[in-house]
Amino acid sequence: MSTGNKIFVSCEDANHICDKNQYKEASLWEKIKLNIHLIYCKACRKYSSKNTKLTKLFKDPKVISINQSAKDSMKEQLKKKMSEME
């Protein structure tokens, strides 16, 4: 990543700032530079959008898992069916 107080950053730097922003590690100045870059760069807007969606999916996965006894029961049923096929 380049150093300095440039307002315009490369796509590589913008993606790095986007990743830092995802984990709340980007400074205010980096956020400003990122937002300016996103105004004119469609590819980085898409990257940022996908990054945001990924973060939301990890925070609220909406996955329902079954309890251990149900898993064990399913394993036993599978083993039984497999042994019947032999």
N, C-alpha and C. Protein backbone atom coordinates (compact mmCIF):
# COMPACT_ATOMS: atom_id res chain seq x y z
N MET A 1 0.85 -1.18 0.00
CA MET A 1 0.00 0.00 0.00
C MET A 1 0.89 1.23 0.00
N SER A 2 0.50 2.21 -0.78
CA SER A 2 1.31 3.41 -0.85
C SER A 2 1.11 4.26 0.39
N THR A 3 2.08 5.09 0.65
CA THR A 3 1.99 5.98 1.80
C THR A 3 1.75 7.39 1.33
N GLY A 4 1.49 8.27 2.24
CA GLY A 4 1.28 9.66 1.88
C GLY A 4 -0.18 10.05 2.05
N ASN A 5 -0.43 11.31 1.79
CA ASN A 5 -1.79 11.84 1.99
C ASN A 5 -2.51 12.05 0.68
N LYS A 6 -2.22 11.24 -0.33
CA LYS A 6 -2.92 11.36 -1.60
C LYS A 6 -4.41 11.09 -1.40
N ILE A 7 -5.22 11.86 -2.07
CA ILE A 7 -6.66 11.64 -1.99
C ILE A 7 -7.06 10.49 -2.92
N PHE A 8 -6.44 10.44 -4.09
CA PHE A 8 -6.76 9.40 -5.06
C PHE A 8 -5.84 8.21 -4.82
N VAL A 9 -6.46 7.02 -4.67
CA VAL A 9 -5.70 5.81 -4.40
C VAL A 9 -5.94 4.81 -5.53
N SER A 10 -5.02 3.86 -5.65
CA SER A 10 -5.17 2.81 -6.66
C SER A 10 -6.26 1.83 -6.22
N CYS A 11 -6.69 0.99 -7.14
CA CYS A 11 -7.69 -0.02 -6.81
C CYS A 11 -7.16 -0.99 -5.76
N GLU A 12 -5.88 -1.33 -5.86
CA GLU A 12 -5.28 -2.23 -4.89
C GLU A 12 -5.34 -1.62 -3.48
N ASP A 13 -5.01 -0.34 -3.39
CA ASP A 13 -5.07 0.33 -2.09
C ASP A 13 -6.51 0.46 -1.60
N ALA A 14 -7.43 0.74 -2.51
CA ALA A 14 -8.84 0.87 -2.14
C ALA A 14 -9.37 -0.46 -1.61
N ASN A 15 -8.99 -1.57 -2.24
CA ASN A 15 -9.45 -2.87 -1.76
C ASN A 15 -8.86 -3.19 -0.39
N HIS A 16 -7.62 -2.78 -0.18
CA HIS A 16 -6.99 -3.00 1.13
C HIS A 16 -7.72 -2.18 2.20
N ILE A 17 -8.04 -0.94 1.89
CA ILE A 17 -8.78 -0.10 2.84
C ILE A 17 -10.17 -0.68 3.08
N CYS A 18 -10.79 -1.20 2.03
CA CYS A 18 -12.11 -1.82 2.15
C CYS A 18 -12.06 -2.99 3.12
N ASP A 19 -11.02 -3.81 3.00
CA ASP A 19 -10.85 -4.95 3.90
C ASP A 19 -10.64 -4.47 5.34
N LYS A 20 -9.82 -3.44 5.51
CA LYS A 20 -9.60 -2.90 6.85
C LYS A 20 -10.90 -2.33 7.42
N ASN A 21 -11.67 -1.67 6.58
CA ASN A 21 -12.94 -1.08 7.00
C ASN A 21 -13.91 -2.16 7.46
N GLN A 22 -13.87 -3.30 6.81
CA GLN A 22 -14.74 -4.42 7.17
C GLN A 22 -14.51 -4.84 8.62
N TYR A 23 -13.27 -4.76 9.08
CA TYR A 23 -12.93 -5.15 10.45
C TYR A 23 -12.79 -3.95 11.38
N LYS A 24 -13.30 -2.80 10.94
CA LYS A 24 -13.28 -1.56 11.73
C LYS A 24 -11.87 -1.14 12.10
N GLU A 25 -10.91 -1.34 11.18
CA GLU A 25 -9.52 -0.96 11.42
C GLU A 25 -9.08 0.22 10.56
N ALA A 26 -9.94 0.73 9.69
CA ALA A 26 -9.58 1.83 8.81
C ALA A 26 -9.73 3.17 9.54
N SER A 27 -8.78 4.05 9.28
CA SER A 27 -8.85 5.38 9.89
C SER A 27 -9.87 6.24 9.13
N LEU A 28 -10.19 7.37 9.70
CA LEU A 28 -11.13 8.29 9.05
C LEU A 28 -10.60 8.72 7.69
N TRP A 29 -9.31 9.04 7.62
CA TRP A 29 -8.71 9.47 6.36
C TRP A 29 -8.79 8.36 5.31
N GLU A 30 -8.55 7.13 5.72
CA GLU A 30 -8.65 6.00 4.78
C GLU A 30 -10.08 5.84 4.29
N LYS A 31 -11.04 6.00 5.17
CA LYS A 31 -12.45 5.89 4.77
C LYS A 31 -12.81 6.97 3.76
N ILE A 32 -12.30 8.17 3.97
CA ILE A 32 -12.56 9.27 3.04
C ILE A 32 -11.97 8.93 1.67
N LYS A 33 -10.72 8.47 1.65
CA LYS A 33 -10.07 8.12 0.39
C LYS A 33 -10.83 6.98 -0.31
N LEU A 34 -11.30 6.01 0.47
CA LEU A 34 -12.05 4.90 -0.10
C LEU A 34 -13.33 5.39 -0.74
N ASN A 35 -14.07 6.24 -0.03
CA ASN A 35 -15.34 6.75 -0.57
C ASN A 35 -15.13 7.58 -1.83
N ILE A 36 -14.06 8.36 -1.88
CA ILE A 36 -13.76 9.12 -3.10
C ILE A 36 -13.46 8.15 -4.24
N HIS A 37 -12.67 7.12 -3.96
CA HIS A 37 -12.34 6.14 -4.99
C HIS A 37 -13.60 5.42 -5.49
N LEU A 38 -14.50 5.09 -4.58
CA LEU A 38 -15.72 4.37 -4.97
C LEU A 38 -16.63 5.20 -5.85
N ILE A 39 -16.51 6.52 -5.79
CA ILE A 39 -17.33 7.40 -6.64
C ILE A 39 -17.04 7.14 -8.11
N TYR A 40 -15.77 6.92 -8.45
CA TYR A 40 -15.42 6.79 -9.87
C TYR A 40 -15.00 5.39 -10.31
N CYS A 41 -14.94 4.43 -9.40
CA CYS A 41 -14.46 3.09 -9.79
C CYS A 41 -15.57 2.04 -9.58
N LYS A 42 -16.13 1.60 -10.67
CA LYS A 42 -17.21 0.62 -10.63
C LYS A 42 -16.74 -0.74 -10.09
N ALA A 43 -15.55 -1.16 -10.47
CA ALA A 43 -15.03 -2.46 -10.03
C ALA A 43 -14.86 -2.49 -8.51
N CYS A 44 -14.36 -1.41 -7.95
CA CYS A 44 -14.16 -1.37 -6.50
C CYS A 44 -15.49 -1.22 -5.75
N ARG A 45 -16.47 -0.55 -6.36
CA ARG A 45 -17.81 -0.49 -5.76
C ARG A 45 -18.38 -1.90 -5.65
N LYS A 46 -18.19 -2.70 -6.70
CA LYS A 46 -18.67 -4.07 -6.70
C LYS A 46 -17.95 -4.89 -5.64
N TYR A 47 -16.62 -4.73 -5.53
CA TYR A 47 -15.83 -5.43 -4.52
C TYR A 47 -16.32 -5.05 -3.12
N SER A 48 -16.53 -3.77 -2.91
CA SER A 48 -16.98 -3.28 -1.61
C SER A 48 -18.37 -3.82 -1.27
N SER A 49 -19.23 -3.87 -2.25
CA SER A 49 -20.58 -4.39 -2.05
C SER A 49 -20.55 -5.87 -1.66
N LYS A 50 -19.75 -6.64 -2.37
CA LYS A 50 -19.63 -8.07 -2.06
C LYS A 50 -19.00 -8.28 -0.68
N ASN A 51 -18.04 -7.44 -0.34
CA ASN A 51 -17.39 -7.52 0.96
C ASN A 51 -18.40 -7.25 2.08
N THR A 52 -19.25 -6.26 1.88
CA THR A 52 -20.28 -5.92 2.86
C THR A 52 -21.27 -7.06 3.02
N LYS A 53 -21.70 -7.66 1.91
CA LYS A 53 -22.62 -8.79 1.97
C LYS A 53 -22.00 -9.97 2.72
N LEU A 54 -20.73 -10.23 2.45
CA LEU A 54 -20.03 -11.33 3.11
C LEU A 54 -19.96 -11.10 4.62
N THR A 55 -19.67 -9.88 5.01
CA THR A 55 -19.62 -9.54 6.44
C THR A 55 -20.97 -9.77 7.09
N LYS A 56 -22.05 -9.34 6.44
CA LYS A 56 -23.39 -9.52 6.99
C LYS A 56 -23.74 -11.00 7.12
N LEU A 57 -23.34 -11.80 6.14
CA LEU A 57 -23.62 -13.24 6.20
C LEU A 57 -22.91 -13.90 7.37
N PHE A 58 -21.70 -13.47 7.65
CA PHE A 58 -20.97 -14.05 8.78
C PHE A 58 -21.54 -13.61 10.11
N LYS A 59 -22.05 -12.39 10.18
CA LYS A 59 -22.60 -11.90 11.44
C LYS A 59 -23.96 -12.51 11.74
N ASP A 60 -24.75 -12.77 10.71
CA ASP A 60 -26.09 -13.34 10.89
C ASP A 60 -26.28 -14.47 9.88
N PRO A 61 -25.75 -15.66 10.17
CA PRO A 61 -25.70 -16.73 9.17
C PRO A 61 -27.05 -17.35 8.80
N LYS A 62 -28.06 -17.26 9.64
CA LYS A 62 -29.38 -17.85 9.37
C LYS A 62 -29.27 -19.34 9.03
N VAL A 63 -28.40 -20.03 9.75
CA VAL A 63 -28.22 -21.46 9.55
C VAL A 63 -28.79 -22.17 10.76
N ILE A 64 -29.63 -23.15 10.51
CA ILE A 64 -30.22 -23.94 11.59
C ILE A 64 -29.58 -25.31 11.55
N SER A 65 -28.99 -25.70 12.67
CA SER A 65 -28.36 -27.02 12.71
C SER A 65 -29.18 -27.94 13.61
N ILE A 66 -29.02 -29.22 13.37
CA ILE A 66 -29.76 -30.19 14.18
C ILE A 66 -28.92 -30.57 15.39
N ASN A 67 -29.58 -31.06 16.41
CA ASN A 67 -28.86 -31.41 17.64
C ASN A 67 -28.07 -32.72 17.44
N GLN A 68 -27.19 -33.01 18.37
CA GLN A 68 -26.28 -34.14 18.24
C GLN A 68 -27.01 -35.48 18.22
N SER A 69 -28.07 -35.62 19.00
CA SER A 69 -28.79 -36.90 19.02
C SER A 69 -29.45 -37.18 17.67
N ALA A 70 -29.96 -36.15 17.01
CA ALA A 70 -30.54 -36.34 15.68
C ALA A 70 -29.47 -36.72 14.68
N LYS A 71 -28.28 -36.11 14.80
CA LYS A 71 -27.18 -36.47 13.91
C LYS A 71 -26.78 -37.93 14.10
N ASP A 72 -26.67 -38.34 15.36
CA ASP A 72 -26.30 -39.73 15.65
C ASP A 72 -27.33 -40.70 15.10
N SER A 73 -28.59 -40.36 15.23
CA SER A 73 -29.67 -41.20 14.71
C SER A 73 -29.57 -41.33 13.19
N MET A 74 -29.29 -40.21 12.52
CA MET A 74 -29.16 -40.24 11.07
C MET A 74 -27.96 -41.10 10.64
N LYS A 75 -26.86 -41.01 11.39
CA LYS A 75 -25.69 -41.83 11.09
C LYS A 75 -26.00 -43.31 11.21
N GLU A 76 -26.71 -43.68 12.26
CA GLU A 76 -27.08 -45.07 12.46
C GLU A 76 -27.99 -45.57 11.34
N GLN A 77 -28.95 -44.75 10.94
CA GLN A 77 -29.86 -45.13 9.85
C GLN A 77 -29.07 -45.31 8.55
N LEU A 78 -28.11 -44.43 8.31
CA LEU A 78 -27.30 -44.52 7.11
C LEU A 78 -26.45 -45.80 7.12
N LYS A 79 -25.84 -46.08 8.27
CA LYS A 79 -25.04 -47.31 8.39
C LYS A 79 -25.90 -48.53 8.14
N LYS A 80 -27.11 -48.53 8.69
CA LYS A 80 -28.03 -49.66 8.54
C LYS A 80 -28.36 -49.85 7.05
N LYS A 81 -28.69 -48.77 6.36
CA LYS A 81 -29.04 -48.86 4.93
C LYS A 81 -27.85 -49.32 4.11
N MET A 82 -26.65 -48.81 4.47
CA MET A 82 -25.44 -49.20 3.74
C MET A 82 -25.16 -50.69 3.92
N SER A 83 -25.36 -51.20 5.14
CA SER A 83 -25.09 -52.63 5.38
C SER A 83 -26.13 -53.50 4.67
N GLU A 84 -27.34 -53.02 4.51
CA GLU A 84 -28.39 -53.76 3.79
C GLU A 84 -28.05 -53.87 2.30
N MET A 85 -27.34 -52.88 1.78
CA MET A 85 -27.01 -52.85 0.35
C MET A 85 -25.83 -53.77 0.03
N GLU A 86 -25.05 -54.19 1.01
CA GLU A 86 -23.87 -55.02 0.77
C GLU A 86 -24.20 -56.43 0.50
